[in-house]
PDB file of N, CA and C in Angstrom:
ATOM      1  N   GLN A   1     -12.298  14.009  22.893  1.00  0.00           N
ATOM      2  CA  GLN A   1     -11.144  13.143  23.113  1.00  0.00           C
ATOM      3  C   GLN A   1     -10.830  12.397  21.827  1.00  0.00           C
ATOM      4  N   VAL A   2      -9.581  12.492  21.394  1.00  0.00           N
ATOM      5  CA  VAL A   2      -9.171  11.809  20.177  1.00  0.00           C
ATOM      6  C   VAL A   2      -8.929  10.332  20.462  1.00  0.00           C
ATOM      7  N   GLN A   3      -9.455   9.501  19.580  1.00  0.00           N
ATOM      8  CA  GLN A   3      -9.217   8.065  19.686  1.00  0.00           C
ATOM      9  C   GLN A   3      -8.903   7.497  18.323  1.00  0.00           C
ATOM     10  N   LEU A   4      -7.913   6.624  18.291  1.00  0.00           N
ATOM     11  CA  LEU A   4      -7.584   5.844  17.113  1.00  0.00           C
ATOM     12  C   LEU A   4      -7.612   4.394  17.551  1.00  0.00           C
ATOM     13  N   ILE A   5      -8.522   3.632  16.993  1.00  0.00           N
ATOM     14  CA  ILE A   5      -8.689   2.245  17.428  1.00  0.00           C
ATOM     15  C   ILE A   5      -8.451   1.323  16.251  1.00  0.00           C
ATOM     16  N   GLU A   6      -7.387   0.537  16.365  1.00  0.00           N
ATOM     17  CA  GLU A   6      -7.032  -0.399  15.289  1.00  0.00           C
ATOM     18  C   GLU A   6      -7.742  -1.741  15.487  1.00  0.00           C
ATOM     19  N   SER A   7      -7.949  -2.413  14.377  1.00  0.00           N
ATOM     20  CA  SER A   7      -8.492  -3.763  14.407  1.00  0.00           C
ATOM     21  C   SER A   7      -8.017  -4.501  13.170  1.00  0.00           C
ATOM     22  N   GLY A   8      -8.139  -5.816  13.204  1.00  0.00           N
ATOM     23  CA  GLY A   8      -7.866  -6.603  12.019  1.00  0.00           C
ATOM     24  C   GLY A   8      -6.546  -7.339  12.005  1.00  0.00           C
ATOM     25  N   GLY A   9      -5.740  -7.162  13.026  1.00  0.00           N
ATOM     26  CA  GLY A   9      -4.479  -7.896  13.062  1.00  0.00           C
ATOM     27  C   GLY A   9      -4.715  -9.377  13.283  1.00  0.00           C
ATOM     28  N   GLY A  10      -3.647 -10.145  13.190  1.00  0.00           N
ATOM     29  CA  GLY A  10      -3.777 -11.575  13.420  1.00  0.00           C
ATOM     30  C   GLY A  10      -2.647 -12.342  12.789  1.00  0.00           C
ATOM     31  N   LEU A  11      -2.923 -13.601  12.529  1.00  0.00           N
ATOM     32  CA  LEU A  11      -1.922 -14.508  11.984  1.00  0.00           C
ATOM     33  C   LEU A  11      -2.225 -14.813  10.526  1.00  0.00           C
ATOM     34  N   ALA A  12      -1.200 -14.784   9.688  1.00  0.00           N
ATOM     35  CA  ALA A  12      -1.347 -15.128   8.277  1.00  0.00           C
ATOM     36  C   ALA A  12      -0.147 -15.964   7.851  1.00  0.00           C
ATOM     37  N   GLN A  13      -0.342 -16.732   6.813  1.00  0.00           N
ATOM     38  CA  GLN A  13       0.775 -17.473   6.229  1.00  0.00           C
ATOM     39  C   GLN A  13       1.449 -16.606   5.174  1.00  0.00           C
ATOM     40  N   ALA A  14       2.676 -16.905   4.891  1.00  0.00           N
ATOM     41  CA  ALA A  14       3.386 -16.187   3.838  1.00  0.00           C
ATOM     42  C   ALA A  14       2.600 -16.291   2.543  1.00  0.00           C
ATOM     43  N   GLY A  15       2.459 -15.162   1.881  1.00  0.00           N
ATOM     44  CA  GLY A  15       1.666 -15.100   0.664  1.00  0.00           C
ATOM     45  C   GLY A  15       0.211 -14.759   0.901  1.00  0.00           C
ATOM     46  N   GLY A  16      -0.201 -14.737   2.164  1.00  0.00           N
ATOM     47  CA  GLY A  16      -1.591 -14.454   2.500  1.00  0.00           C
ATOM     48  C   GLY A  16      -1.880 -12.965   2.629  1.00  0.00           C
ATOM     49  N   SER A  17      -3.091 -12.680   3.084  1.00  0.00           N
ATOM     50  CA  SER A  17      -3.547 -11.295   3.174  1.00  0.00           C
ATOM     51  C   SER A  17      -4.201 -11.024   4.523  1.00  0.00           C
ATOM     52  N   LEU A  18      -4.119  -9.778   4.924  1.00  0.00           N
ATOM     53  CA  LEU A  18      -4.838  -9.281   6.088  1.00  0.00           C
ATOM     54  C   LEU A  18      -5.259  -7.856   5.807  1.00  0.00           C
ATOM     55  N   ARG A  19      -6.314  -7.420   6.483  1.00  0.00           N
ATOM     56  CA  ARG A  19      -6.772  -6.040   6.335  1.00  0.00           C
ATOM     57  C   ARG A  19      -6.879  -5.409   7.715  1.00  0.00           C
ATOM     58  N   LEU A  20      -6.166  -4.317   7.897  1.00  0.00           N
ATOM     59  CA  LEU A  20      -6.223  -3.567   9.142  1.00  0.00           C
ATOM     60  C   LEU A  20      -7.157  -2.381   8.978  1.00  0.00           C
ATOM     61  N   SER A  21      -7.847  -2.032  10.048  1.00  0.00           N
ATOM     62  CA  SER A  21      -8.699  -0.851  10.053  1.00  0.00           C
ATOM     63  C   SER A  21      -8.361   0.025  11.240  1.00  0.00           C
ATOM     64  N   CYS A  22      -8.556   1.320  11.061  1.00  0.00           N
ATOM     65  CA  CYS A  22      -8.329   2.280  12.135  1.00  0.00           C
ATOM     66  C   CYS A  22      -9.531   3.219  12.174  1.00  0.00           C
ATOM     67  N   ALA A  23     -10.278   3.148  13.256  1.00  0.00           N
ATOM     68  CA  ALA A  23     -11.430   4.029  13.435  1.00  0.00           C
ATOM     69  C   ALA A  23     -10.980   5.261  14.203  1.00  0.00           C
ATOM     70  N   ALA A  24     -11.140   6.435  13.585  1.00  0.00           N
ATOM     71  CA  ALA A  24     -10.681   7.680  14.175  1.00  0.00           C
ATOM     72  C   ALA A  24     -11.859   8.517  14.653  1.00  0.00           C
ATOM     73  N   SER A  25     -11.696   9.173  15.784  1.00  0.00           N
ATOM     74  CA  SER A  25     -12.764  10.022  16.304  1.00  0.00           C
ATOM     75  C   SER A  25     -12.182  11.151  17.151  1.00  0.00           C
ATOM     76  N   GLY A  26     -12.965  12.188  17.369  1.00  0.00           N
ATOM     77  CA  GLY A  26     -12.565  13.267  18.258  1.00  0.00           C
ATOM     78  C   GLY A  26     -12.186  14.561  17.575  1.00  0.00           C
ATOM     79  N   ARG A  27     -11.774  14.494  16.327  1.00  0.00           N
ATOM     80  CA  ARG A  27     -11.445  15.692  15.559  1.00  0.00           C
ATOM     81  C   ARG A  27     -11.178  15.288  14.115  1.00  0.00           C
ATOM     82  N   THR A  28     -10.910  16.266  13.305  1.00  0.00           N
ATOM     83  CA  THR A  28     -10.542  15.963  11.918  1.00  0.00           C
ATOM     84  C   THR A  28      -9.019  15.907  11.809  1.00  0.00           C
ATOM     85  N   PHE A  29      -8.542  15.144  10.834  1.00  0.00           N
ATOM     86  CA  PHE A  29      -7.115  14.951  10.653  1.00  0.00           C
ATOM     87  C   PHE A  29      -6.725  15.272   9.222  1.00  0.00           C
ATOM     88  N   SER A  30      -5.511  15.736   9.044  1.00  0.00           N
ATOM     89  CA  SER A  30      -5.050  16.074   7.704  1.00  0.00           C
ATOM     90  C   SER A  30      -4.480  14.862   6.990  1.00  0.00           C
ATOM     91  N   THR A  31      -3.763  14.051   7.725  1.00  0.00           N
ATOM     92  CA  THR A  31      -3.091  12.883   7.165  1.00  0.00           C
ATOM     93  C   THR A  31      -3.171  11.750   8.170  1.00  0.00           C
ATOM     94  N   MET A  32      -3.359  10.535   7.657  1.00  0.00           N
ATOM     95  CA  MET A  32      -3.327   9.368   8.528  1.00  0.00           C
ATOM     96  C   MET A  32      -2.355   8.366   7.954  1.00  0.00           C
ATOM     97  N   GLY A  33      -1.712   7.641   8.850  1.00  0.00           N
ATOM     98  CA  GLY A  33      -0.699   6.710   8.395  1.00  0.00           C
ATOM     99  C   GLY A  33      -0.656   5.448   9.231  1.00  0.00           C
ATOM    100  N   TRP A  34       0.132   4.528   8.714  1.00  0.00           N
ATOM    101  CA  TRP A  34       0.407   3.280   9.425  1.00  0.00           C
ATOM    102  C   TRP A  34       1.914   3.144   9.605  1.00  0.00           C
ATOM    103  N   PHE A  35       2.303   2.761  10.781  1.00  0.00           N
ATOM    104  CA  PHE A  35       3.688   2.470  11.103  1.00  0.00           C
ATOM    105  C   PHE A  35       3.733   1.065  11.706  1.00  0.00           C
ATOM    106  N   ARG A  36       4.929   0.498  11.777  1.00  0.00           N
ATOM    107  CA  ARG A  36       5.058  -0.813  12.394  1.00  0.00           C
ATOM    108  C   ARG A  36       6.367  -0.906  13.155  1.00  0.00           C
ATOM    109  N   GLN A  37       6.357  -1.795  14.136  1.00  0.00           N
ATOM    110  CA  GLN A  37       7.570  -2.016  14.912  1.00  0.00           C
ATOM    111  C   GLN A  37       7.706  -3.500  15.193  1.00  0.00           C
ATOM    112  N   ALA A  38       8.801  -4.050  14.693  1.00  0.00           N
ATOM    113  CA  ALA A  38       9.120  -5.453  14.926  1.00  0.00           C
ATOM    114  C   ALA A  38       9.963  -5.560  16.192  1.00  0.00           C
ATOM    115  N   PRO A  39       9.980  -6.717  16.818  1.00  0.00           N
ATOM    116  CA  PRO A  39      10.763  -6.890  18.045  1.00  0.00           C
ATOM    117  C   PRO A  39      12.229  -6.539  17.830  1.00  0.00           C
ATOM    118  N   GLY A  40      12.757  -5.688  18.691  1.00  0.00           N
ATOM    119  CA  GLY A  40      14.152  -5.313  18.620  1.00  0.00           C
ATOM    120  C   GLY A  40      14.492  -4.316  17.538  1.00  0.00           C
ATOM    121  N   LYS A  41      13.485  -3.813  16.856  1.00  0.00           N
ATOM    122  CA  LYS A  41      13.739  -2.859  15.771  1.00  0.00           C
ATOM    123  C   LYS A  41      13.041  -1.536  16.049  1.00  0.00           C
ATOM    124  N   LYS A  42      13.489  -0.515  15.325  1.00  0.00           N
ATOM    125  CA  LYS A  42      12.856   0.787  15.444  1.00  0.00           C
ATOM    126  C   LYS A  42      11.513   0.784  14.725  1.00  0.00           C
ATOM    127  N   ARG A  43      10.653   1.673  15.162  1.00  0.00           N
ATOM    128  CA  ARG A  43       9.383   1.846  14.466  1.00  0.00           C
ATOM    129  C   ARG A  43       9.660   2.396  13.062  1.00  0.00           C
ATOM    130  N   GLU A  44       8.947   1.862  12.081  1.00  0.00           N
ATOM    131  CA  GLU A  44       9.163   2.305  10.714  1.00  0.00           C
ATOM    132  C   GLU A  44       7.850   2.654  10.028  1.00  0.00           C
ATOM    133  N   PHE A  45       7.962   3.547   9.083  1.00  0.00           N
ATOM    134  CA  PHE A  45       6.828   3.983   8.306  1.00  0.00           C
ATOM    135  C   PHE A  45       6.383   2.881   7.355  1.00  0.00           C
ATOM    136  N   VAL A  46       5.063   2.769   7.164  1.00  0.00           N
ATOM    137  CA  VAL A  46       4.507   1.795   6.228  1.00  0.00           C
ATOM    138  C   VAL A  46       3.772   2.499   5.086  1.00  0.00           C
ATOM    139  N   ALA A  47       2.772   3.299   5.436  1.00  0.00           N
ATOM    140  CA  ALA A  47       1.966   3.956   4.414  1.00  0.00           C
ATOM    141  C   ALA A  47       1.228   5.129   5.033  1.00  0.00           C
ATOM    142  N   ALA A  48       0.850   6.102   4.198  1.00  0.00           N
ATOM    143  CA  ALA A  48       0.094   7.255   4.669  1.00  0.00           C
ATOM    144  C   ALA A  48      -0.812   7.762   3.561  1.00  0.00           C
ATOM    145  N   ILE A  49      -1.843   8.503   3.977  1.00  0.00           N
ATOM    146  CA  ILE A  49      -2.793   9.057   3.022  1.00  0.00           C
ATOM    147  C   ILE A  49      -3.291  10.402   3.522  1.00  0.00           C
ATOM    148  N   ARG A  50      -3.453  11.321   2.599  1.00  0.00           N
ATOM    149  CA  ARG A  50      -3.968  12.647   2.958  1.00  0.00           C
ATOM    150  C   ARG A  50      -5.483  12.663   2.822  1.00  0.00           C
ATOM    151  N   GLY A  51      -6.134  13.359   3.751  1.00  0.00           N
ATOM    152  CA  GLY A  51      -7.584  13.436   3.719  1.00  0.00           C
ATOM    153  C   GLY A  51      -8.095  14.242   2.548  1.00  0.00           C
ATOM    154  N   THR A  52      -7.370  15.281   2.187  1.00  0.00           N
ATOM    155  CA  THR A  52      -7.750  16.116   1.043  1.00  0.00           C
ATOM    156  C   THR A  52      -6.916  15.706  -0.164  1.00  0.00           C
ATOM    157  N   GLY A  53      -7.594  15.257  -1.188  1.00  0.00           N
ATOM    158  CA  GLY A  53      -6.874  14.861  -2.399  1.00  0.00           C
ATOM    159  C   GLY A  53      -6.547  13.391  -2.468  1.00  0.00           C
ATOM    160  N   GLY A  54      -6.441  12.744  -1.305  1.00  0.00           N
ATOM    161  CA  GLY A  54      -6.197  11.303  -1.286  1.00  0.00           C
ATOM    162  C   GLY A  54      -4.796  10.873  -1.669  1.00  0.00           C
ATOM    163  N   ARG A  55      -3.833  11.788  -1.612  1.00  0.00           N
ATOM    164  CA  ARG A  55      -2.464  11.428  -1.958  1.00  0.00           C
ATOM    165  C   ARG A  55      -1.974  10.340  -1.030  1.00  0.00           C
ATOM    166  N   THR A  56      -1.360   9.300  -1.599  1.00  0.00           N
ATOM    167  CA  THR A  56      -0.829   8.204  -0.809  1.00  0.00           C
ATOM    168  C   THR A  56       0.685   8.150  -0.919  1.00  0.00           C
ATOM    169  N   TYR A  57       1.279   7.492   0.067  1.00  0.00           N
ATOM    170  CA  TYR A  57       2.737   7.398   0.120  1.00  0.00           C
ATOM    171  C   TYR A  57       3.061   6.077   0.801  1.00  0.00           C
ATOM    172  N   TYR A  58       3.991   5.303   0.218  1.00  0.00           N
ATOM    173  CA  TYR A  58       4.306   3.982   0.738  1.00  0.00           C
ATOM    174  C   TYR A  58       5.796   3.815   0.961  1.00  0.00           C
ATOM    175  N   ALA A  59       6.126   2.998   1.936  1.00  0.00           N
ATOM    176  CA  ALA A  59       7.506   2.571   2.086  1.00  0.00           C
ATOM    177  C   ALA A  59       7.837   1.641   0.930  1.00  0.00           C
ATOM    178  N   ASP A  60       9.076   1.662   0.479  1.00  0.00           N
ATOM    179  CA  ASP A  60       9.481   0.811  -0.641  1.00  0.00           C
ATOM    180  C   ASP A  60       9.231  -0.670  -0.345  1.00  0.00           C
ATOM    181  N   SER A  61       9.366  -1.048   0.913  1.00  0.00           N
ATOM    182  CA  SER A  61       9.243  -2.451   1.285  1.00  0.00           C
ATOM    183  C   SER A  61       7.825  -3.004   1.114  1.00  0.00           C
ATOM    184  N   VAL A  62       6.837  -2.127   1.051  1.00  0.00           N
ATOM    185  CA  VAL A  62       5.452  -2.594   0.935  1.00  0.00           C
ATOM    186  C   VAL A  62       4.783  -2.141  -0.353  1.00  0.00           C
ATOM    187  N   LYS A  63       5.464  -1.327  -1.128  1.00  0.00           N
ATOM    188  CA  LYS A  63       4.879  -0.804  -2.366  1.00  0.00           C
ATOM    189  C   LYS A  63       4.482  -1.950  -3.281  1.00  0.00           C
ATOM    190  N   GLY A  64       3.269  -1.887  -3.800  1.00  0.00           N
ATOM    191  CA  GLY A  64       2.776  -2.942  -4.670  1.00  0.00           C
ATOM    192  C   GLY A  64       2.106  -4.085  -3.937  1.00  0.00           C
ATOM    193  N   ARG A  65       2.277  -4.141  -2.610  1.00  0.00           N
ATOM    194  CA  ARG A  65       1.656  -5.210  -1.820  1.00  0.00           C
ATOM    195  C   ARG A  65       0.597  -4.676  -0.863  1.00  0.00           C
ATOM    196  N   PHE A  66       0.799  -3.477  -0.347  1.00  0.00           N
ATOM    197  CA  PHE A  66      -0.120  -2.879   0.617  1.00  0.00           C
ATOM    198  C   PHE A  66      -0.862  -1.719  -0.041  1.00  0.00           C
ATOM    199  N   THR A  67      -2.111  -1.526   0.381  1.00  0.00           N
ATOM    200  CA  THR A  67      -2.908  -0.412  -0.122  1.00  0.00           C
ATOM    201  C   THR A  67      -3.599   0.283   1.047  1.00  0.00           C
ATOM    202  N   ILE A  68      -3.388   1.581   1.136  1.00  0.00           N
ATOM    203  CA  ILE A  68      -4.045   2.361   2.179  1.00  0.00           C
ATOM    204  C   ILE A  68      -5.243   3.090   1.577  1.00  0.00           C
ATOM    205  N   ALA A  69      -6.311   3.195   2.350  1.00  0.00           N
ATOM    206  CA  ALA A  69      -7.513   3.877   1.870  1.00  0.00           C
ATOM    207  C   ALA A  69      -8.188   4.578   3.034  1.00  0.00           C
ATOM    208  N   TRP A  70      -8.883   5.675   2.713  1.00  0.00           N
ATOM    209  CA  TRP A  70      -9.560   6.474   3.747  1.00  0.00           C
ATOM    210  C   TRP A  70     -11.026   6.575   3.382  1.00  0.00           C
ATOM    211  N   ASP A  71     -11.857   6.064   4.253  1.00  0.00           N
ATOM    212  CA  ASP A  71     -13.306   6.196   4.098  1.00  0.00           C
ATOM    213  C   ASP A  71     -13.729   7.418   4.906  1.00  0.00           C
ATOM    214  N   ASN A  72     -13.926   8.533   4.214  1.00  0.00           N
ATOM    215  CA  ASN A  72     -14.229   9.787   4.914  1.00  0.00           C
ATOM    216  C   ASN A  72     -15.572   9.725   5.626  1.00  0.00           C
ATOM    217  N   ALA A  73     -16.519   9.021   5.032  1.00  0.00           N
ATOM    218  CA  ALA A  73     -17.850   8.944   5.636  1.00  0.00           C
ATOM    219  C   ALA A  73     -17.795   8.244   6.990  1.00  0.00           C
ATOM    220  N   GLN A  74     -16.949   7.215   7.092  1.00  0.00           N
ATOM    221  CA  GLN A  74     -16.816   6.452   8.325  1.00  0.00           C
ATOM    222  C   GLN A  74     -15.656   6.946   9.175  1.00  0.00           C
ATOM    223  N   ASN A  75     -14.842   7.848   8.608  1.00  0.00           N
ATOM    224  CA  ASN A  75     -13.618   8.304   9.264  1.00  0.00           C
ATOM    225  C   ASN A  75     -12.771   7.116   9.689  1.00  0.00           C
ATOM    226  N   THR A  76     -12.588   6.226   8.736  1.00  0.00           N
ATOM    227  CA  THR A  76     -11.821   5.002   8.969  1.00  0.00           C
ATOM    228  C   THR A  76     -10.751   4.880   7.900  1.00  0.00           C
ATOM    229  N   VAL A  77      -9.572   4.498   8.332  1.00  0.00           N
ATOM    230  CA  VAL A  77      -8.477   4.260   7.403  1.00  0.00           C
ATOM    231  C   VAL A  77      -8.138   2.771   7.436  1.00  0.00           C
ATOM    232  N   SER A  78      -7.999   2.190   6.272  1.00  0.00           N
ATOM    233  CA  SER A  78      -7.696   0.767   6.198  1.00  0.00           C
ATOM    234  C   SER A  78      -6.329   0.552   5.553  1.00  0.00           C
ATOM    235  N   LEU A  79      -5.772  -0.593   5.832  1.00  0.00           N
ATOM    236  CA  LEU A  79      -4.519  -1.008   5.204  1.00  0.00           C
ATOM    237  C   LEU A  79      -4.721  -2.440   4.729  1.00  0.00           C
ATOM    238  N   GLN A  80      -4.875  -2.599   3.434  1.00  0.00           N
ATOM    239  CA  GLN A  80      -5.009  -3.923   2.847  1.00  0.00           C
ATOM    240  C   GLN A  80      -3.619  -4.455   2.556  1.00  0.00           C
ATOM    241  N   MET A  81      -3.298  -5.594   3.157  1.00  0.00           N
ATOM    242  CA  MET A  81      -1.961  -6.157   3.018  1.00  0.00           C
ATOM    243  C   MET A  81      -2.056  -7.481   2.280  1.00  0.00           C
ATOM    244  N   THR A  82      -1.360  -7.590   1.179  1.00  0.00           N
ATOM    245  CA  THR A  82      -1.352  -8.814   0.395  1.00  0.00           C
ATOM    246  C   THR A  82       0.074  -9.332   0.253  1.00  0.00           C
ATOM    247  N   ASN A  83       0.187 -10.579  -0.184  1.00  0.00           N
ATOM    248  CA  ASN A  83       1.489 -11.205  -0.346  1.00  0.00           C
ATOM    249  C   ASN A  83       2.366 -10.959   0.890  1.00  0.00           C
ATOM    250  N   LEU A  84       1.799 -11.221   2.033  1.00  0.00           N
ATOM    251  CA  LEU A  84       2.513 -10.990   3.277  1.00  0.00           C
ATOM    252  C   LEU A  84       3.732 -11.901   3.386  1.00  0.00           C
ATOM    253  N   GLN A  85       4.764 -11.370   4.009  1.00  0.00           N
ATOM    254  CA  GLN A  85       6.003 -12.099   4.204  1.00  0.00           C
ATOM    255  C   GLN A  85       6.365 -12.105   5.683  1.00  0.00           C
ATOM    256  N   PRO A  86       7.167 -13.066   6.126  1.00  0.00           N
ATOM    257  CA  PRO A  86       7.545 -13.105   7.544  1.00  0.00           C
ATOM    258  C   PRO A  86       8.140 -11.791   8.042  1.00  0.00           C
ATOM    259  N   GLU A  87       8.833 -11.075   7.175  1.00  0.00           N
ATOM    260  CA  GLU A  87       9.425  -9.802   7.598  1.00  0.00           C
ATOM    261  C   GLU A  87       8.387  -8.702   7.815  1.00  0.00           C
ATOM    262  N   ASP A  88       7.134  -8.977   7.478  1.00  0.00           N
ATOM    263  CA  ASP A  88       6.059  -8.023   7.767  1.00  0.00           C
ATOM    264  C   ASP A  88       5.550  -8.177   9.193  1.00  0.00           C
ATOM    265  N   THR A  89       6.017  -9.194   9.896  1.00  0.00           N
ATOM    266  CA  THR A  89       5.603  -9.418  11.275  1.00  0.00           C
ATOM    267  C   THR A  89       6.005  -8.239  12.145  1.00  0.00           C
ATOM    268  N   ALA A  90       5.027  -7.664  12.831  1.00  0.00           N
ATOM    269  CA  ALA A  90       5.278  -6.478  13.653  1.00  0.00           C
ATOM    270  C   ALA A  90       3.977  -6.075  14.347  1.00  0.00           C
ATOM    271  N   VAL A  91       4.105  -5.139  15.263  1.00  0.00           N
ATOM    272  CA  VAL A  91       2.931  -4.444  15.779  1.00  0.00           C
ATOM    273  C   VAL A  91       2.683  -3.257  14.859  1.00  0.00           C
ATOM    274  N   TYR A  92       1.473  -3.149  14.353  1.00  0.00           N
ATOM    275  CA  TYR A  92       1.122  -2.079  13.427  1.00  0.00           C
ATOM    276  C   TYR A  92       0.333  -1.005  14.163  1.00  0.00           C
ATOM    277  N   TYR A  93       0.757   0.234  13.952  1.00  0.00           N
ATOM    278  CA  TYR A  93       0.146   1.369  14.629  1.00  0.00           C
ATOM    279  C   TYR A  93      -0.494   2.318  13.630  1.00  0.00           C
ATOM    280  N   CYS A  94      -1.687   2.741  13.940  1.00  0.00           N
ATOM    281  CA  CYS A  94      -2.357   3.802  13.204  1.00  0.00           C
ATOM    282  C   CYS A  94      -1.952   5.133  13.822  1.00  0.00           C
ATOM    283  N   ALA A  95      -1.751   6.140  12.984  1.00  0.00           N
ATOM    284  CA  ALA A  95      -1.355   7.449  13.481  1.00  0.00           C
ATOM    285  C   ALA A  95      -2.028   8.536  12.662  1.00  0.00           C
ATOM    286  N   ALA A  96      -2.161   9.720  13.259  1.00  0.00           N
ATOM    287  CA  ALA A  96      -2.854  10.814  12.580  1.00  0.00           C
ATOM    288  C   ALA A  96      -2.156  12.138  12.830  1.00  0.00           C
ATOM    289  N   GLN A  97      -2.178  12.966  11.804  1.00  0.00           N
ATOM    290  CA  GLN A  97      -1.644  14.326  11.914  1.00  0.00           C
ATOM    291  C   GLN A  97      -2.796  15.306  12.042  1.00  0.00           C
ATOM    292  N   GLY A  98      -2.662  16.215  12.995  1.00  0.00           N
ATOM    293  CA  GLY A  98      -3.691  17.232  13.160  1.00  0.00           C
ATOM    294  C   GLY A  98      -3.385  18.489  12.377  1.00  0.00           C
ATOM    295  N   ILE A  99      -2.149  18.628  11.914  1.00  0.00           N
ATOM    296  CA  ILE A  99      -1.710  19.823  11.194  1.00  0.00           C
ATOM    297  C   ILE A  99      -1.433  19.451   9.749  1.00  0.00           C
ATOM    298  N   TRP A 100      -1.765  20.365   8.849  1.00  0.00           N
ATOM    299  CA  TRP A 100      -1.465  20.129   7.431  1.00  0.00           C
ATOM    300  C   TRP A 100      -0.030  20.528   7.151  1.00  0.00           C
ATOM    301  N   TYR A 101       0.728  19.612   6.568  1.00  0.00           N
ATOM    302  CA  TYR A 101       2.078  19.899   6.126  1.00  0.00           C
ATOM    303  C   TYR A 101       2.118  19.750   4.611  1.00  0.00           C
ATOM    304  N   SER A 102       2.686  20.727   3.941  1.00  0.00           N
ATOM    305  CA  SER A 102       2.744  20.651   2.483  1.00  0.00           C
ATOM    306  C   SER A 102       3.814  19.675   2.011  1.00  0.00           C
ATOM    307  N   ALA A 103       4.855  19.491   2.801  1.00  0.00           N
ATOM    308  CA  ALA A 103       5.954  18.631   2.389  1.00  0.00           C
ATOM    309  C   ALA A 103       5.526  17.168   2.385  1.00  0.00           C
ATOM    310  N   ILE A 104       5.665  16.535   1.253  1.00  0.00           N
ATOM    311  CA  ILE A 104       5.300  15.126   1.124  1.00  0.00           C
ATOM    312  C   ILE A 104       6.124  14.272   2.069  1.00  0.00           C
ATOM    313  N   SER A 105       7.361  14.663   2.281  1.00  0.00           N
ATOM    314  CA  SER A 105       8.246  13.863   3.130  1.00  0.00           C
ATOM    315  C   SER A 105       7.726  13.748   4.557  1.00  0.00           C
ATOM    316  N   TYR A 106       6.921  14.729   4.977  1.00  0.00           N
ATOM    317  CA  TYR A 106       6.387  14.677   6.334  1.00  0.00           C
ATOM    318  C   TYR A 106       5.348  13.570   6.499  1.00  0.00           C
ATOM    319  N   MET A 107       4.852  13.025   5.416  1.00  0.00           N
ATOM    320  CA  MET A 107       3.870  11.952   5.522  1.00  0.00           C
ATOM    321  C   MET A 107       4.488  10.704   6.131  1.00  0.00           C
ATOM    322  N   SER A 108       5.793  10.551   5.989  1.00  0.00           N
ATOM    323  CA  SER A 108       6.457   9.365   6.519  1.00  0.00           C
ATOM    324  C   SER A 108       7.225   9.648   7.809  1.00  0.00           C
ATOM    325  N   ALA A 109       7.122  10.864   8.309  1.00  0.00           N
ATOM    326  CA  ALA A 109       7.892  11.266   9.494  1.00  0.00           C
ATOM    327  C   ALA A 109       7.071  11.040  10.758  1.00  0.00           C
ATOM    328  N   ASP A 110       7.465  10.063  11.562  1.00  0.00           N
ATOM    329  CA  ASP A 110       6.632   9.740  12.725  1.00  0.00           C
ATOM    330  C   ASP A 110       6.567  10.886  13.725  1.00  0.00           C
ATOM    331  N   GLN A 111       7.580  11.738  13.760  1.00  0.00           N
ATOM    332  CA  GLN A 111       7.544  12.845  14.716  1.00  0.00           C
ATOM    333  C   GLN A 111       6.518  13.897  14.338  1.00  0.00           C
ATOM    334  N   LYS A 112       5.984  13.820  13.118  1.00  0.00           N
ATOM    335  CA  LYS A 112       4.968  14.769  12.670  1.00  0.00           C
ATOM    336  C   LYS A 112       3.555  14.265  12.946  1.00  0.00           C
ATOM    337  N   TYR A 113       3.435  13.099  13.513  1.00  0.00           N
ATOM    338  CA  TYR A 113       2.127  12.557  13.843  1.00  0.00           C
ATOM    339  C   TYR A 113       1.803  12.865  15.299  1.00  0.00           C
ATOM    340  N   ASP A 114       0.596  13.369  15.521  1.00  0.00           N
ATOM    341  CA  ASP A 114       0.213  13.840  16.845  1.00  0.00           C
ATOM    342  C   ASP A 114      -0.524  12.798  17.668  1.00  0.00           C
ATOM    343  N   TYR A 115      -1.175  11.873  16.994  1.00  0.00           N
ATOM    344  CA  TYR A 115      -2.024  10.906  17.688  1.00  0.00           C
ATOM    345  C   TYR A 115      -1.682   9.496  17.226  1.00  0.00           C
ATOM    346  N   TRP A 116      -1.740   8.567  18.184  1.00  0.00           N
ATOM    347  CA  TRP A 116      -1.360   7.184  17.907  1.00  0.00           C
ATOM    348  C   TRP A 116      -2.361   6.218  18.522  1.00  0.00           C
ATOM    349  N   GLY A 117      -2.579   5.111  17.808  1.00  0.00           N
ATOM    350  CA  GLY A 117      -3.391   4.049  18.362  1.00  0.00           C
ATOM    351  C   GLY A 117      -2.555   3.143  19.250  1.00  0.00           C
ATOM    352  N   GLN A 118      -3.197   2.127  19.789  1.00  0.00           N
ATOM    353  CA  GLN A 118      -2.532   1.213  20.719  1.00  0.00           C
ATOM    354  C   GLN A 118      -1.726   0.137  19.996  1.00  0.00           C
ATOM    355  N   GLY A 119      -2.035  -0.077  18.742  1.00  0.00           N
ATOM    356  CA  GLY A 119      -1.305  -1.080  17.971  1.00  0.00           C
ATOM    357  C   GLY A 119      -2.059  -2.390  17.859  1.00  0.00           C
ATOM    358  N   THR A 120      -1.794  -3.096  16.779  1.00  0.00           N
ATOM    359  CA  THR A 120      -2.381  -4.418  16.567  1.00  0.00           C
ATOM    360  C   THR A 120      -1.297  -5.332  15.996  1.00  0.00           C
ATOM    361  N   GLN A 121      -1.234  -6.545  16.511  1.00  0.00           N
ATOM    362  CA  GLN A 121      -0.171  -7.474  16.131  1.00  0.00           C
ATOM    363  C   GLN A 121      -0.494  -8.153  14.806  1.00  0.00           C
ATOM    364  N   VAL A 122       0.501  -8.190  13.945  1.00  0.00           N
ATOM    365  CA  VAL A 122       0.428  -8.961  12.701  1.00  0.00           C
ATOM    366  C   VAL A 122       1.588  -9.950  12.717  1.00  0.00           C
ATOM    367  N   THR A 123       1.270 -11.222  12.570  1.00  0.00           N
ATOM    368  CA  THR A 123       2.281 -12.269  12.566  1.00  0.00           C
ATOM    369  C   THR A 123       2.140 -13.068  11.284  1.00  0.00           C
ATOM    370  N   VAL A 124       3.245 -13.184  10.548  1.00  0.00           N
ATOM    371  CA  VAL A 124       3.242 -13.917   9.292  1.00  0.00           C
ATOM    372  C   VAL A 124       4.180 -15.110   9.429  1.00  0.00           C
ATOM    373  N   SER A 125       3.640 -16.284   9.221  1.00  0.00           N
ATOM    374  CA  SER A 125       4.445 -17.502   9.339  1.00  0.00           C
ATOM    375  C   SER A 125       4.920 -17.951   7.958  1.00  0.00           C
ATOM    376  N   SER A 126       6.101 -18.551   7.955  1.00  0.00           N
ATOM    377  CA  SER A 126       6.680 -18.999   6.672  1.00  0.00           C
ATOM    378  C   SER A 126       6.215 -20.394   6.298  1.00  0.00           C
TER     379      SER A 126
END
C-alpha cells in the first residue's frame, strides 16, 4: 500500500522558515513533488525532484526561497521554506509519480502524479 505522509506544517511569521517532510512507502517513485492550495484558489505546483539524477524544478514564486531534497536512504522528501510570505499560506501536498517521464514539464503537471498525501497546513502571518 502506497503512503505519503506529510509533516512539519504550522504557523510562521513573514520572513520566517518552515521545513516540510514527506515520508513515502509502498513502492519506488520516479519523481516527487510538492503542490499547494490556498483557500478559493486552484492547486498549484511548488517544487519537484527526480529520484535519479536529482534534477529539481521550482515554481517561479518560490525559486530562491524554497529547497526540495530527497533522502533516498529514508525515502523522504523535504521542502525547506525560507523567507516565507503571507501568500505562501496554503495546504501543502506531497505527491509522487510512479512512471518515469522524460519531459521536464511533466514534473510540474499535477495530472502526472499518481499518489498524493493528505496535506499539511502552512500559515504565514504578516
